N, C-alpha and C. Protein backbone atom coordinates (compact mmCIF):
# COMPACT_ATOMS: atom_id res chain seq x y z
N UNK A 1 58.04 37.57 114.85
CA UNK A 1 58.54 37.39 115.83
C UNK A 1 60.13 36.65 116.50
N UNK A 2 61.01 37.55 116.91
CA UNK A 2 62.55 37.06 116.89
C UNK A 2 62.84 36.60 118.42
N UNK A 3 63.49 35.55 117.91
CA UNK A 3 63.89 34.53 119.75
C UNK A 3 64.98 34.32 118.65
N UNK A 4 66.48 34.26 119.51
CA UNK A 4 67.35 33.73 119.65
C UNK A 4 67.27 31.92 118.95
N UNK A 5 68.39 31.64 118.42
CA UNK A 5 68.47 30.45 118.07
C UNK A 5 68.35 29.69 118.88
N UNK A 6 69.46 30.30 119.78
CA UNK A 6 69.63 29.29 120.93
C UNK A 6 68.20 29.23 122.07
N UNK A 7 68.11 30.29 122.21
CA UNK A 7 66.62 30.08 123.38
C UNK A 7 65.60 28.75 122.61
N UNK A 8 65.58 28.87 121.09
CA UNK A 8 64.85 27.75 120.60
C UNK A 8 65.14 26.68 120.68
N UNK A 9 66.43 25.95 120.61
CA UNK A 9 67.36 24.71 121.10
C UNK A 9 67.10 24.62 122.50
N UNK A 10 67.10 25.49 123.29
CA UNK A 10 67.02 24.80 124.38
C UNK A 10 65.92 24.25 124.96
N UNK A 11 64.92 24.93 124.57
CA UNK A 11 63.34 25.05 124.93
C UNK A 11 63.03 23.67 124.14
N UNK A 12 63.37 23.63 122.75
CA UNK A 12 63.21 22.46 121.97
C UNK A 12 63.96 21.24 122.56
N UNK A 13 65.27 21.14 122.84
CA UNK A 13 66.14 20.17 123.84
C UNK A 13 65.18 19.51 125.10
N UNK A 14 64.95 20.52 125.96
CA UNK A 14 64.50 20.06 127.26
C UNK A 14 62.94 19.78 127.00
N UNK A 15 62.06 19.73 125.85
CA UNK A 15 60.87 19.29 125.29
C UNK A 15 61.34 17.66 124.99
N UNK A 16 62.19 17.73 123.97
CA UNK A 16 62.56 16.53 123.56
C UNK A 16 62.63 15.50 124.43
N UNK A 17 63.69 15.92 125.37
CA UNK A 17 64.35 14.74 126.40
C UNK A 17 63.03 13.99 127.28
N UNK A 18 62.75 15.38 128.10
CA UNK A 18 61.40 15.23 129.01
C UNK A 18 60.07 14.17 127.74
N UNK A 19 59.63 14.49 126.88
CA UNK A 19 59.15 13.25 125.91
C UNK A 19 59.28 12.33 125.89
N UNK A 20 60.80 12.16 125.13
CA UNK A 20 61.35 10.96 125.21
C UNK A 20 61.65 10.01 125.99
N UNK A 21 61.85 10.62 127.35
CA UNK A 21 62.17 9.93 128.36
C UNK A 21 60.99 9.07 128.98
N UNK A 22 60.03 9.75 128.82
CA UNK A 22 58.62 9.02 129.02
C UNK A 22 58.44 7.74 128.33
N UNK A 23 58.63 8.29 126.76
CA UNK A 23 58.48 6.78 125.77
C UNK A 23 59.94 6.01 126.27
N UNK A 24 60.92 6.06 126.20
CA UNK A 24 61.92 5.06 126.48
C UNK A 24 61.34 4.32 127.99
N UNK A 25 61.36 5.10 128.94
CA UNK A 25 61.30 4.49 130.21
C UNK A 25 59.92 3.46 130.24
N UNK A 26 58.99 3.96 130.20
CA UNK A 26 57.52 3.43 130.20
C UNK A 26 57.28 2.64 129.05
N UNK A 27 57.44 2.58 127.97
CA UNK A 27 57.02 1.90 126.42
C UNK A 27 58.17 1.25 126.06
N UNK A 28 59.45 1.99 124.92
CA UNK A 28 60.17 1.75 124.21
C UNK A 28 60.95 0.28 124.69
N UNK A 29 61.53 0.17 125.96
CA UNK A 29 62.33 -0.75 126.59
C UNK A 29 62.10 -1.58 126.71
N UNK A 30 60.95 -1.91 126.98
CA UNK A 30 60.47 -3.47 126.90
C UNK A 30 60.17 -3.98 125.25
N UNK A 31 59.19 -2.94 124.48
CA UNK A 31 59.07 -3.27 123.26
C UNK A 31 60.96 -3.18 122.21
N UNK A 32 61.53 -2.74 122.44
CA UNK A 32 63.34 -2.89 121.78
C UNK A 32 63.69 -4.18 122.76
N UNK A 33 63.56 -4.19 123.92
CA UNK A 33 64.33 -5.80 124.36
C UNK A 33 63.09 -7.15 123.67
N UNK A 34 61.97 -7.23 123.40
CA UNK A 34 61.31 -8.22 122.65
C UNK A 34 61.72 -8.27 121.30
N UNK A 35 61.55 -6.92 120.69
CA UNK A 35 61.56 -6.92 119.34
C UNK A 35 63.62 -7.01 118.81
N UNK A 36 64.08 -6.71 119.08
CA UNK A 36 65.43 -6.65 119.02
C UNK A 36 66.68 -7.65 119.94
N UNK A 37 66.07 -7.96 120.95
CA UNK A 37 66.77 -9.00 121.69
C UNK A 37 68.02 -8.78 121.50
N UNK A 38 68.51 -9.79 121.37
CA UNK A 38 70.66 -9.96 121.31
C UNK A 38 70.84 -8.69 120.42
N UNK A 39 70.65 -7.79 119.35
CA UNK A 39 70.65 -6.96 118.98
C UNK A 39 71.30 -5.83 120.19
N UNK A 40 70.43 -5.67 121.03
CA UNK A 40 70.70 -4.52 122.05
C UNK A 40 71.96 -4.60 122.34
N UNK A 41 72.80 -3.56 122.60
CA UNK A 41 73.87 -3.53 123.60
C UNK A 41 73.39 -3.59 125.30
N UNK A 42 74.22 -4.53 125.51
CA UNK A 42 73.79 -4.52 127.32
C UNK A 42 73.34 -2.92 127.83
N UNK A 43 73.94 -2.35 127.29
CA UNK A 43 73.89 -0.66 127.83
C UNK A 43 73.98 0.50 126.80
N UNK A 44 72.86 1.48 126.85
CA UNK A 44 73.23 2.52 125.72
C UNK A 44 74.83 3.13 125.68
N UNK A 45 74.73 3.41 124.83
CA UNK A 45 76.27 4.24 124.33
C UNK A 45 75.51 5.11 124.66
N UNK A 46 76.15 6.31 125.51
CA UNK A 46 75.43 7.15 125.99
C UNK A 46 76.23 8.29 125.33
N UNK A 47 77.45 8.46 124.94
CA UNK A 47 77.60 10.05 124.07
C UNK A 47 76.98 9.55 122.56
N UNK A 48 76.73 8.55 121.90
CA UNK A 48 76.00 8.70 120.53
C UNK A 48 75.07 8.90 120.72
N UNK A 49 73.96 8.78 122.02
CA UNK A 49 72.86 8.91 122.13
C UNK A 49 72.86 10.72 122.40
N UNK A 50 73.83 10.96 122.65
CA UNK A 50 73.81 13.10 123.21
C UNK A 50 73.76 13.80 121.87
N UNK A 51 74.91 12.92 121.11
CA UNK A 51 75.33 13.38 119.82
C UNK A 51 73.67 13.57 119.26
N UNK A 52 73.43 12.17 118.82
CA UNK A 52 71.97 11.94 118.05
C UNK A 52 70.85 13.08 118.65
N UNK A 53 70.66 13.41 120.03
CA UNK A 53 69.83 14.33 120.15
C UNK A 53 70.08 15.53 120.08
N UNK A 54 71.65 15.97 120.06
CA UNK A 54 71.87 17.84 119.69
C UNK A 54 71.64 17.49 118.36
N UNK A 55 72.18 16.73 117.42
CA UNK A 55 72.04 16.95 116.24
C UNK A 55 70.29 16.97 115.22
N UNK A 56 69.62 15.90 116.48
CA UNK A 56 68.21 15.67 116.03
C UNK A 56 67.69 17.20 116.36
N UNK A 57 67.69 17.73 117.56
CA UNK A 57 66.65 19.01 117.84
C UNK A 57 67.70 20.19 117.06
N UNK A 58 68.38 20.38 117.01
CA UNK A 58 69.31 21.21 115.91
C UNK A 58 68.28 20.97 114.72
N UNK A 59 68.15 20.41 113.97
CA UNK A 59 67.35 19.56 112.81
C UNK A 59 66.13 20.21 112.97
N UNK A 60 65.55 19.85 113.96
CA UNK A 60 63.71 20.30 114.58
C UNK A 60 63.99 21.63 114.39
N UNK A 61 64.94 22.11 115.25
CA UNK A 61 64.94 23.86 115.02
C UNK A 61 64.77 24.79 113.94
N UNK A 62 66.15 23.95 113.23
CA UNK A 62 65.92 24.37 111.76
C UNK A 62 64.55 24.28 110.65
N UNK A 63 64.02 23.12 110.55
CA UNK A 63 64.08 22.47 109.85
C UNK A 63 62.04 22.91 110.03
N UNK A 64 62.07 22.97 111.16
CA UNK A 64 60.59 22.88 111.91
C UNK A 64 59.99 24.14 112.51
N UNK A 65 60.82 24.05 113.80
CA UNK A 65 60.53 25.45 114.27
C UNK A 65 60.72 26.48 114.20
N UNK A 66 61.42 27.08 113.53
CA UNK A 66 62.17 28.18 112.72
C UNK A 66 61.10 28.64 111.94
N UNK A 67 60.42 27.61 110.71
CA UNK A 67 59.52 28.49 109.66
C UNK A 67 58.03 28.68 110.50
N UNK A 68 57.95 27.36 111.56
CA UNK A 68 56.68 28.01 112.28
C UNK A 68 56.21 29.05 113.11
N UNK A 69 57.47 29.31 113.39
CA UNK A 69 57.59 30.46 114.53
C UNK A 69 57.33 31.92 113.39
N UNK A 70 57.93 31.77 112.23
CA UNK A 70 58.20 32.39 110.91
C UNK A 70 56.59 32.98 110.51
N UNK A 71 56.28 31.80 110.07
CA UNK A 71 54.66 31.65 109.87
C UNK A 71 53.79 31.99 110.60
N UNK A 72 54.10 32.13 111.88
CA UNK A 72 53.08 32.36 113.30
C UNK A 72 52.02 31.00 113.41
N UNK A 73 52.33 30.01 113.06
CA UNK A 73 51.47 28.79 112.79
C UNK A 73 51.73 27.46 113.54
N UNK A 74 51.30 27.35 114.73
CA UNK A 74 51.39 26.26 115.49
C UNK A 74 50.55 24.86 114.95
N UNK A 75 50.11 25.18 113.68
CA UNK A 75 49.61 23.99 112.91
C UNK A 75 50.78 23.66 111.76
N UNK A 76 51.30 24.27 111.23
CA UNK A 76 52.56 24.03 110.39
C UNK A 76 53.67 23.37 111.56
N UNK A 77 54.06 24.02 112.71
CA UNK A 77 54.96 23.26 113.60
C UNK A 77 54.60 21.64 113.96
N UNK A 78 53.51 21.39 114.20
CA UNK A 78 52.51 20.22 114.54
C UNK A 78 52.98 19.17 113.11
N UNK A 79 52.44 20.24 112.08
CA UNK A 79 52.51 19.11 110.49
C UNK A 79 53.99 18.95 109.88
N UNK A 80 54.57 19.88 110.21
CA UNK A 80 56.18 19.77 109.67
C UNK A 80 57.07 19.02 110.79
N UNK A 81 56.55 19.13 111.82
CA UNK A 81 56.82 18.51 113.05
C UNK A 81 57.10 16.56 112.49
N UNK A 82 55.63 16.47 112.37
CA UNK A 82 55.63 15.11 112.32
C UNK A 82 56.19 14.52 110.97
N UNK A 83 55.87 15.35 110.12
CA UNK A 83 56.83 15.06 108.66
C UNK A 83 58.09 14.79 108.94
N UNK A 84 59.08 15.96 109.84
CA UNK A 84 60.30 15.72 109.73
C UNK A 84 60.28 14.25 110.69
N UNK A 85 59.46 14.02 111.84
CA UNK A 85 59.95 12.84 112.29
C UNK A 85 59.71 11.74 111.95
N UNK A 86 58.89 11.28 110.35
CA UNK A 86 58.61 10.36 109.70
C UNK A 86 60.07 10.42 108.96
N UNK A 87 60.11 11.31 108.39
CA UNK A 87 61.84 11.32 107.37
C UNK A 87 62.96 11.21 108.34
N UNK A 88 62.94 10.85 109.34
CA UNK A 88 64.40 10.99 110.09
C UNK A 88 64.23 9.86 110.95
N UNK A 89 62.85 9.07 111.27
CA UNK A 89 62.87 8.09 112.01
C UNK A 89 62.97 6.38 110.58
N UNK A 90 62.35 6.98 109.60
CA UNK A 90 62.24 6.31 108.19
C UNK A 90 63.71 6.00 107.90
N UNK A 91 64.91 6.92 107.96
CA UNK A 91 66.10 6.89 107.76
C UNK A 91 67.00 5.83 108.49
N UNK A 92 66.28 5.74 109.90
CA UNK A 92 66.87 4.83 110.52
C UNK A 92 66.37 3.24 110.06
N UNK A 93 64.88 3.40 110.24
CA UNK A 93 64.47 2.19 109.84
C UNK A 93 64.10 1.45 109.09
N UNK A 94 63.90 2.03 107.92
CA UNK A 94 63.90 1.61 106.34
C UNK A 94 65.66 1.30 106.30
N UNK A 95 66.83 1.89 106.74
CA UNK A 95 68.06 1.70 105.99
C UNK A 95 68.29 0.16 106.99
N UNK A 96 67.86 -0.21 108.27
CA UNK A 96 67.66 -1.31 109.08
C UNK A 96 67.04 -1.99 108.72
N UNK A 97 66.11 -1.98 108.16
CA UNK A 97 65.69 -3.01 107.41
C UNK A 97 65.97 -3.70 106.06
N UNK A 98 66.73 -2.71 105.63
CA UNK A 98 67.27 -2.95 104.18
C UNK A 98 68.59 -3.77 104.36
N UNK A 99 69.23 -3.55 105.42
CA UNK A 99 70.86 -4.07 105.62
C UNK A 99 71.09 -4.72 107.05
N UNK A 100 70.26 -5.40 107.82
CA UNK A 100 70.44 -5.91 109.04
C UNK A 100 69.57 -6.83 108.70
N UNK A 101 70.56 -8.47 108.90
CA UNK A 101 69.89 -9.32 109.07
C UNK A 101 68.69 -9.52 110.34
N UNK A 102 67.60 -9.71 109.95
CA UNK A 102 66.51 -10.12 110.99
C UNK A 102 65.86 -9.10 111.88
N UNK A 103 66.21 -8.03 110.89
CA UNK A 103 65.42 -6.45 111.84
C UNK A 103 64.04 -6.83 111.81
N UNK A 104 63.28 -6.72 112.51
CA UNK A 104 61.86 -6.50 112.89
C UNK A 104 61.02 -5.71 112.12
N UNK A 105 60.37 -6.37 110.94
CA UNK A 105 59.43 -5.31 110.09
C UNK A 105 58.52 -5.04 111.27
N UNK A 106 58.12 -5.61 112.15
CA UNK A 106 56.77 -5.46 113.22
C UNK A 106 57.29 -3.64 113.92
N UNK A 107 58.56 -3.63 113.87
CA UNK A 107 58.99 -2.42 114.66
C UNK A 107 58.82 -0.94 113.53
N UNK A 108 59.00 -1.35 112.82
CA UNK A 108 59.24 -0.34 111.60
C UNK A 108 57.94 0.55 111.76
N UNK A 109 56.63 0.18 112.01
CA UNK A 109 55.60 1.41 111.53
C UNK A 109 55.53 1.76 113.22
N UNK A 110 55.76 1.19 114.28
CA UNK A 110 55.59 1.34 115.62
C UNK A 110 56.79 2.77 115.83
N UNK A 111 57.94 2.60 115.27
CA UNK A 111 58.58 3.51 115.60
C UNK A 111 58.31 4.77 114.51
N UNK A 112 57.94 4.43 113.25
CA UNK A 112 57.85 5.64 112.52
C UNK A 112 56.99 6.78 113.11
N UNK A 113 55.57 6.08 113.59
CA UNK A 113 54.69 6.81 114.71
C UNK A 113 55.39 7.62 115.37
N UNK A 114 56.30 6.74 116.13
CA UNK A 114 56.60 7.54 117.44
C UNK A 114 57.78 8.77 116.95
N UNK A 115 58.38 8.33 116.08
CA UNK A 115 59.29 9.40 115.28
C UNK A 115 58.09 10.54 115.01
N UNK A 116 57.18 10.53 114.37
CA UNK A 116 56.20 11.50 113.85
C UNK A 116 55.76 11.97 115.42
N UNK A 117 55.08 11.52 116.03
CA UNK A 117 54.15 11.95 117.20
C UNK A 117 55.45 13.25 118.01
N UNK A 118 56.32 12.38 118.02
CA UNK A 118 57.58 12.83 119.12
C UNK A 118 58.13 14.28 118.38
N UNK A 119 58.20 14.52 117.36
CA UNK A 119 58.65 15.66 116.70
C UNK A 119 57.64 16.35 116.44
N UNK A 120 56.27 15.86 116.17
CA UNK A 120 55.39 16.85 116.37
C UNK A 120 54.64 17.62 117.37
N UNK A 121 55.10 17.31 118.64
CA UNK A 121 54.87 17.14 119.96
C UNK A 121 55.92 18.15 120.54
N UNK A 122 57.50 17.75 120.24
CA UNK A 122 57.97 18.76 120.67
C UNK A 122 58.12 20.40 119.92
N UNK A 123 58.05 20.07 118.37
CA UNK A 123 57.40 21.11 117.64
C UNK A 123 57.00 22.00 117.91
N UNK A 124 55.54 21.30 118.65
CA UNK A 124 54.17 22.31 118.93
C UNK A 124 54.57 22.74 120.02
N UNK A 125 55.07 21.92 120.94
CA UNK A 125 55.50 22.38 122.34
C UNK A 125 56.53 23.46 122.24
N UNK A 126 57.72 23.36 121.72
CA UNK A 126 58.35 24.55 121.66
C UNK A 126 57.81 26.15 120.73
N UNK A 127 57.20 25.87 120.21
CA UNK A 127 56.44 26.80 119.63
C UNK A 127 55.42 27.60 120.39
N UNK A 128 54.60 26.64 121.29
CA UNK A 128 53.99 27.05 122.12
C UNK A 128 54.65 27.81 123.27
N UNK A 129 55.51 27.41 123.78
CA UNK A 129 56.53 27.92 124.91
C UNK A 129 56.61 29.05 124.28
N UNK A 130 57.16 29.07 123.21
CA UNK A 130 58.03 30.67 122.19
C UNK A 130 57.17 31.40 122.29
N UNK A 131 56.00 31.43 121.76
CA UNK A 131 54.81 32.10 121.48
C UNK A 131 54.37 32.81 123.12
N UNK A 132 54.20 32.32 124.20
CA UNK A 132 53.98 32.46 125.53
C UNK A 132 55.23 33.60 125.86
N UNK A 133 56.18 33.08 125.71
CA UNK A 133 57.33 34.05 126.06
C UNK A 133 57.21 35.44 125.11
N UNK A 134 56.98 35.20 124.24
CA UNK A 134 56.81 36.47 123.04
C UNK A 134 55.81 37.14 123.52
N UNK A 135 54.59 36.63 124.03
CA UNK A 135 53.80 37.41 124.72
C UNK A 135 53.78 38.39 126.03
N UNK A 136 54.90 37.27 126.88
CA UNK A 136 55.22 38.08 128.32
C UNK A 136 55.68 39.14 127.85
N UNK A 137 56.88 38.95 126.88
CA UNK A 137 58.17 40.36 126.68
C UNK A 137 57.64 41.25 126.03
N UNK A 138 55.77 41.12 125.73
CA UNK A 138 55.88 42.51 124.72
C UNK A 138 55.19 43.76 125.65
């Protein structure tokens, strides 16, 4: 199945923003305020968040979505997406645990699980949307 990288990226970006918004708006805000307290900035750095999203989605498309599409496997999208989420979120959480004073240990498994769920969901959703689109174009 041949779908342009840009289309893959846009579909993944929309899925990522929508799914992560639900997490941030309804779960994470209170969790992070409770766990991180004074470490949190008064307001998010929007530019940094946009750059993170752009890079993260590019990695997800390159390392997960494209191989899943090539293999024609939603299971690969889900499994590789979960692993990608684990690796990327572990980078932040375990580095923070290693170098930041008082970084809450309790936050680490929650964040790692969210990274896995988010990435698997975005990859699987992107895969499903692109496969459905390809079926309509056939």
